[in-house]
PDB file of N, CA and C in Angstrom:
ATOM      1  N   UNK A   1       0.899  -1.276   0.083  1.00  0.00           N
ATOM      2  CA  UNK A   1       0.026  -0.099   0.161  1.00  0.00           C
ATOM      3  C   UNK A   1       0.787   1.395  -0.323  1.00  0.00           C
ATOM      4  N   UNK A   2       0.647   2.427  -0.392  1.00  0.00           N
ATOM      5  CA  UNK A   2       1.032   3.542  -1.060  1.00  0.00           C
ATOM      6  C   UNK A   2       0.473   4.782  -0.312  1.00  0.00           C
ATOM      7  N   UNK A   3       0.599   5.600  -0.064  1.00  0.00           N
ATOM      8  CA  UNK A   3      -0.158   6.781   0.945  1.00  0.00           C
ATOM      9  C   UNK A   3       0.104   8.206   0.038  1.00  0.00           C
ATOM     10  N   UNK A   4      -1.278   8.162  -0.574  1.00  0.00           N
ATOM     11  CA  UNK A   4      -1.674   9.525  -1.431  1.00  0.00           C
ATOM     12  C   UNK A   4      -1.881  10.762  -0.518  1.00  0.00           C
ATOM     13  N   UNK A   5      -2.142  12.168  -0.896  1.00  0.00           N
ATOM     14  CA  UNK A   5      -2.513  13.001  -0.477  1.00  0.00           C
ATOM     15  C   UNK A   5      -3.800  13.865  -2.223  1.00  0.00           C
ATOM     16  N   UNK A   6      -4.507  14.985  -1.740  1.00  0.00           N
ATOM     17  CA  UNK A   6      -5.113  15.443  -2.499  1.00  0.00           C
ATOM     18  C   UNK A   6      -5.686  16.733  -2.044  1.00  0.00           C
ATOM     19  N   UNK A   7      -5.542  17.718  -2.782  1.00  0.00           N
ATOM     20  CA  UNK A   7      -6.017  19.078  -2.703  1.00  0.00           C
ATOM     21  C   UNK A   7      -6.587  19.441  -3.848  1.00  0.00           C
ATOM     22  N   UNK A   8      -7.863  19.853  -3.223  1.00  0.00           N
ATOM     23  CA  UNK A   8      -8.836  21.144  -4.261  1.00  0.00           C
ATOM     24  C   UNK A   8      -8.553  22.248  -4.605  1.00  0.00           C
ATOM     25  N   UNK A   9      -9.581  21.820  -6.218  1.00  0.00           N
ATOM     26  CA  UNK A   9      -9.488  23.367  -6.567  1.00  0.00           C
ATOM     27  C   UNK A   9      -9.689  24.011  -5.947  1.00  0.00           C
ATOM     28  N   UNK A  10      -8.816  25.410  -5.551  1.00  0.00           N
ATOM     29  CA  UNK A  10      -9.240  26.924  -4.970  1.00  0.00           C
ATOM     30  C   UNK A  10      -9.476  27.186  -3.505  1.00  0.00           C
ATOM     31  N   UNK A  11      -8.656  25.256  -2.992  1.00  0.00           N
ATOM     32  CA  UNK A  11      -8.546  25.732  -1.616  1.00  0.00           C
ATOM     33  C   UNK A  11      -6.808  25.206  -1.117  1.00  0.00           C
ATOM     34  N   UNK A  12      -6.572  25.921  -0.111  1.00  0.00           N
ATOM     35  CA  UNK A  12      -5.135  26.069   0.622  1.00  0.00           C
ATOM     36  C   UNK A  12      -4.998  24.512   0.955  1.00  0.00           C
ATOM     37  N   UNK A  13      -6.564  24.018   1.693  1.00  0.00           N
ATOM     38  CA  UNK A  13      -5.685  22.757   2.569  1.00  0.00           C
ATOM     39  C   UNK A  13      -5.315  22.051   1.669  1.00  0.00           C
ATOM     40  N   UNK A  14      -4.548  20.746   2.193  1.00  0.00           N
ATOM     41  CA  UNK A  14      -4.038  19.372   1.767  1.00  0.00           C
ATOM     42  C   UNK A  14      -4.619  18.034   2.696  1.00  0.00           C
ATOM     43  N   UNK A  15      -5.282  17.580   1.895  1.00  0.00           N
ATOM     44  CA  UNK A  15      -5.758  16.243   2.549  1.00  0.00           C
ATOM     45  C   UNK A  15      -5.086  15.518   2.921  1.00  0.00           C
ATOM     46  N   UNK A  16      -5.303  13.748   3.434  1.00  0.00           N
ATOM     47  CA  UNK A  16      -4.348  12.554   3.358  1.00  0.00           C
ATOM     48  C   UNK A  16      -4.337  12.756   4.827  1.00  0.00           C
ATOM     49  N   UNK A  17      -3.484  10.820   5.020  1.00  0.00           N
ATOM     50  CA  UNK A  17      -2.948  10.875   3.856  1.00  0.00           C
ATOM     51  C   UNK A  17      -4.212   9.188   3.484  1.00  0.00           C
ATOM     52  N   UNK A  18      -3.968   8.786   2.009  1.00  0.00           N
ATOM     53  CA  UNK A  18      -5.000   8.298   2.077  1.00  0.00           C
ATOM     54  C   UNK A  18      -4.279   6.984   1.237  1.00  0.00           C
ATOM     55  N   UNK A  19      -4.839   6.061   1.769  1.00  0.00           N
ATOM     56  CA  UNK A  19      -3.596   4.334   1.584  1.00  0.00           C
ATOM     57  C   UNK A  19      -4.263   3.827   0.345  1.00  0.00           C
ATOM     58  N   UNK A  20      -4.017   3.265  -0.319  1.00  0.00           N
ATOM     59  CA  UNK A  20      -4.163   2.821  -2.038  1.00  0.00           C
ATOM     60  C   UNK A  20      -2.907   2.013  -2.520  1.00  0.00           C
ATOM     61  N   UNK A  21      -3.219   0.722  -3.500  1.00  0.00           N
ATOM     62  CA  UNK A  21      -2.273   0.467  -4.468  1.00  0.00           C
ATOM     63  C   UNK A  21      -1.758   1.047  -5.244  1.00  0.00           C
ATOM     64  N   UNK A  22      -2.518   2.157  -5.831  1.00  0.00           N
ATOM     65  CA  UNK A  22      -2.021   2.942  -6.646  1.00  0.00           C
ATOM     66  C   UNK A  22      -2.635   4.386  -6.902  1.00  0.00           C
ATOM     67  N   UNK A  23      -2.737   5.342  -8.077  1.00  0.00           N
ATOM     68  CA  UNK A  23      -3.328   6.321  -8.020  1.00  0.00           C
ATOM     69  C   UNK A  23      -4.766   6.334  -7.999  1.00  0.00           C
ATOM     70  N   UNK A  24      -5.525   5.117  -9.010  1.00  0.00           N
ATOM     71  CA  UNK A  24      -6.649   5.135  -9.834  1.00  0.00           C
ATOM     72  C   UNK A  24      -7.367   4.752  -8.337  1.00  0.00           C
ATOM     73  N   UNK A  25      -7.325   4.112  -7.550  1.00  0.00           N
ATOM     74  CA  UNK A  25      -7.743   3.045  -6.379  1.00  0.00           C
ATOM     75  C   UNK A  25      -7.906   4.214  -5.248  1.00  0.00           C
ATOM     76  N   UNK A  26      -6.769   5.103  -5.367  1.00  0.00           N
ATOM     77  CA  UNK A  26      -6.722   6.016  -4.635  1.00  0.00           C
ATOM     78  C   UNK A  26      -8.065   7.781  -4.878  1.00  0.00           C
ATOM     79  N   UNK A  27      -7.942   7.598  -5.962  1.00  0.00           N
ATOM     80  CA  UNK A  27      -8.905   8.631  -7.073  1.00  0.00           C
ATOM     81  C   UNK A  27      -9.921   7.873  -6.110  1.00  0.00           C
ATOM     82  N   UNK A  28     -10.609   7.112  -6.277  1.00  0.00           N
ATOM     83  CA  UNK A  28     -12.021   6.337  -6.501  1.00  0.00           C
ATOM     84  C   UNK A  28     -11.987   6.188  -4.886  1.00  0.00           C
ATOM     85  N   UNK A  29     -11.269   5.781  -4.005  1.00  0.00           N
ATOM     86  CA  UNK A  29     -11.552   6.281  -2.093  1.00  0.00           C
ATOM     87  C   UNK A  29     -11.747   8.140  -2.279  1.00  0.00           C
ATOM     88  N   UNK A  30     -11.015   9.052  -3.413  1.00  0.00           N
ATOM     89  CA  UNK A  30     -10.970  10.074  -2.750  1.00  0.00           C
ATOM     90  C   UNK A  30     -12.757  10.287  -3.233  1.00  0.00           C
ATOM     91  N   UNK A  31     -13.483   9.726  -4.283  1.00  0.00           N
ATOM     92  CA  UNK A  31     -14.663  10.352  -4.409  1.00  0.00           C
ATOM     93  C   UNK A  31     -15.585   9.834  -3.858  1.00  0.00           C
ATOM     94  N   UNK A  32     -15.063   8.466  -3.086  1.00  0.00           N
ATOM     95  CA  UNK A  32     -16.076   8.081  -2.165  1.00  0.00           C
ATOM     96  C   UNK A  32     -16.135   8.654  -1.071  1.00  0.00           C
ATOM     97  N   UNK A  33     -15.038   9.539  -0.194  1.00  0.00           N
ATOM     98  CA  UNK A  33     -14.576  10.281   0.747  1.00  0.00           C
ATOM     99  C   UNK A  33     -15.723  11.840   0.252  1.00  0.00           C
ATOM    100  N   UNK A  34     -15.390  12.223  -0.835  1.00  0.00           N
ATOM    101  CA  UNK A  34     -16.242  13.179  -1.146  1.00  0.00           C
ATOM    102  C   UNK A  34     -17.808  13.318  -0.954  1.00  0.00           C
ATOM    103  N   UNK A  35     -17.829  11.898  -1.456  1.00  0.00           N
ATOM    104  CA  UNK A  35     -19.204  11.293  -1.987  1.00  0.00           C
ATOM    105  C   UNK A  35     -19.755  12.209  -2.905  1.00  0.00           C
ATOM    106  N   UNK A  36     -18.889  12.019  -4.071  1.00  0.00           N
ATOM    107  CA  UNK A  36     -19.278  12.457  -5.718  1.00  0.00           C
ATOM    108  C   UNK A  36     -19.384  11.698  -6.379  1.00  0.00           C
ATOM    109  N   UNK A  37     -19.955  11.494  -7.671  1.00  0.00           N
ATOM    110  CA  UNK A  37     -19.634  10.950  -9.203  1.00  0.00           C
ATOM    111  C   UNK A  37     -18.381  10.584  -9.393  1.00  0.00           C
ATOM    112  N   UNK A  38     -18.112  12.060  -9.784  1.00  0.00           N
ATOM    113  CA  UNK A  38     -17.046  12.761 -10.707  1.00  0.00           C
ATOM    114  C   UNK A  38     -16.071  13.668 -10.105  1.00  0.00           C
ATOM    115  N   UNK A  39     -14.683  13.828  -9.868  1.00  0.00           N
ATOM    116  CA  UNK A  39     -14.161  14.402  -8.781  1.00  0.00           C
ATOM    117  C   UNK A  39     -14.130  15.659  -9.584  1.00  0.00           C
ATOM    118  N   UNK A  40     -14.163  16.922  -9.090  1.00  0.00           N
ATOM    119  CA  UNK A  40     -13.788  18.463  -9.608  1.00  0.00           C
ATOM    120  C   UNK A  40     -12.923  18.351 -10.555  1.00  0.00           C
ATOM    121  N   UNK A  41     -13.009  19.481 -11.646  1.00  0.00           N
ATOM    122  CA  UNK A  41     -11.849  19.766 -12.595  1.00  0.00           C
ATOM    123  C   UNK A  41     -10.703  20.086 -11.747  1.00  0.00           C
ATOM    124  N   UNK A  42      -9.902  20.212 -11.978  1.00  0.00           N
ATOM    125  CA  UNK A  42      -8.708  20.720 -10.926  1.00  0.00           C
ATOM    126  C   UNK A  42      -8.512  20.080 -10.054  1.00  0.00           C
ATOM    127  N   UNK A  43      -8.161  18.737  -9.812  1.00  0.00           N
ATOM    128  CA  UNK A  43      -7.821  18.311  -8.162  1.00  0.00           C
ATOM    129  C   UNK A  43      -6.718  17.639  -8.397  1.00  0.00           C
ATOM    130  N   UNK A  44      -6.037  17.891  -7.491  1.00  0.00           N
ATOM    131  CA  UNK A  44      -4.807  17.195  -7.184  1.00  0.00           C
ATOM    132  C   UNK A  44      -4.573  16.655  -6.516  1.00  0.00           C
ATOM    133  N   UNK A  45      -3.893  15.406  -7.437  1.00  0.00           N
ATOM    134  CA  UNK A  45      -3.554  13.809  -6.172  1.00  0.00           C
ATOM    135  C   UNK A  45      -2.018  13.687  -6.511  1.00  0.00           C
ATOM    136  N   UNK A  46      -0.923  13.517  -5.001  1.00  0.00           N
ATOM    137  CA  UNK A  46       0.087  12.508  -5.163  1.00  0.00           C
ATOM    138  C   UNK A  46       0.702  11.456  -4.602  1.00  0.00           C
ATOM    139  N   UNK A  47       1.591  11.070  -4.753  1.00  0.00           N
ATOM    140  CA  UNK A  47       2.115   9.739  -3.982  1.00  0.00           C
ATOM    141  C   UNK A  47       2.825  10.512  -3.240  1.00  0.00           C
ATOM    142  N   UNK A  48       2.940  10.638  -1.722  1.00  0.00           N
ATOM    143  CA  UNK A  48       3.094  11.297  -0.665  1.00  0.00           C
ATOM    144  C   UNK A  48       4.928  10.983  -0.657  1.00  0.00           C
ATOM    145  N   UNK A  49       5.660   9.764  -1.049  1.00  0.00           N
ATOM    146  CA  UNK A  49       6.884   9.426  -1.316  1.00  0.00           C
ATOM    147  C   UNK A  49       7.334  10.801  -1.828  1.00  0.00           C
ATOM    148  N   UNK A  50       6.491  11.352  -2.795  1.00  0.00           N
ATOM    149  CA  UNK A  50       6.682  12.005  -3.581  1.00  0.00           C
ATOM    150  C   UNK A  50       7.470  13.707  -3.067  1.00  0.00           C
ATOM    151  N   UNK A  51       6.005  14.029  -2.396  1.00  0.00           N
ATOM    152  CA  UNK A  51       5.850  15.474  -1.912  1.00  0.00           C
ATOM    153  C   UNK A  51       5.305  14.815  -0.553  1.00  0.00           C
ATOM    154  N   UNK A  52       5.899  15.708   0.828  1.00  0.00           N
ATOM    155  CA  UNK A  52       5.301  15.383   1.763  1.00  0.00           C
ATOM    156  C   UNK A  52       3.801  16.191   1.648  1.00  0.00           C
ATOM    157  N   UNK A  53       2.882  15.786   2.853  1.00  0.00           N
ATOM    158  CA  UNK A  53       1.870  16.788   2.747  1.00  0.00           C
ATOM    159  C   UNK A  53       2.022  17.623   4.084  1.00  0.00           C
ATOM    160  N   UNK A  54       1.316  18.819   3.159  1.00  0.00           N
ATOM    161  CA  UNK A  54       1.618  20.389   3.846  1.00  0.00           C
ATOM    162  C   UNK A  54       0.304  20.568   4.720  1.00  0.00           C
ATOM    163  N   UNK A  55      -0.026  20.772   5.519  1.00  0.00           N
ATOM    164  CA  UNK A  55      -1.549  20.689   5.811  1.00  0.00           C
ATOM    165  C   UNK A  55      -1.888  22.023   6.357  1.00  0.00           C
ATOM    166  N   UNK A  56      -1.228  23.184   6.807  1.00  0.00           N
ATOM    167  CA  UNK A  56      -1.401  24.507   6.771  1.00  0.00           C
ATOM    168  C   UNK A  56      -0.592  25.527   5.932  1.00  0.00           C
ATOM    169  N   UNK A  57      -1.287  26.209   5.402  1.00  0.00           N
ATOM    170  CA  UNK A  57      -0.768  26.544   4.220  1.00  0.00           C
ATOM    171  C   UNK A  57      -1.214  28.124   3.894  1.00  0.00           C
ATOM    172  N   UNK A  58      -2.101  28.050   4.820  1.00  0.00           N
ATOM    173  CA  UNK A  58      -3.145  29.308   4.783  1.00  0.00           C
ATOM    174  C   UNK A  58      -2.257  30.828   4.873  1.00  0.00           C
ATOM    175  N   UNK A  59      -0.673  30.785   5.852  1.00  0.00           N
ATOM    176  CA  UNK A  59      -0.227  31.988   6.592  1.00  0.00           C
ATOM    177  C   UNK A  59       0.373  32.228   5.166  1.00  0.00           C
ATOM    178  N   UNK A  60       1.014  31.645   3.926  1.00  0.00           N
ATOM    179  CA  UNK A  60       1.975  31.772   2.367  1.00  0.00           C
ATOM    180  C   UNK A  60       0.858  32.288   1.852  1.00  0.00           C
ATOM    181  N   UNK A  61      -0.519  31.967   2.392  1.00  0.00           N
ATOM    182  CA  UNK A  61      -1.660  32.063   1.039  1.00  0.00           C
ATOM    183  C   UNK A  61      -1.840  33.982   1.489  1.00  0.00           C
ATOM    184  N   UNK A  62      -1.997  34.470   2.516  1.00  0.00           N
ATOM    185  CA  UNK A  62      -2.487  35.892   3.304  1.00  0.00           C
ATOM    186  C   UNK A  62      -1.200  37.043   2.708  1.00  0.00           C
TER     187      UNK A  62
END
């Protein structure tokens, strides 16, 4: 299992980790978590091995 994170378009918060075997499965779990049939346009999903999760980015955006 690998760990993934995601960020909704237009928001500063990053969410995760989501454990899944691959990115496709992670996207399916994100769809279930959000309760939608299709993921929002511009949703970013990445493997936490490539970039760690940054939970609080609000100070940088202000």
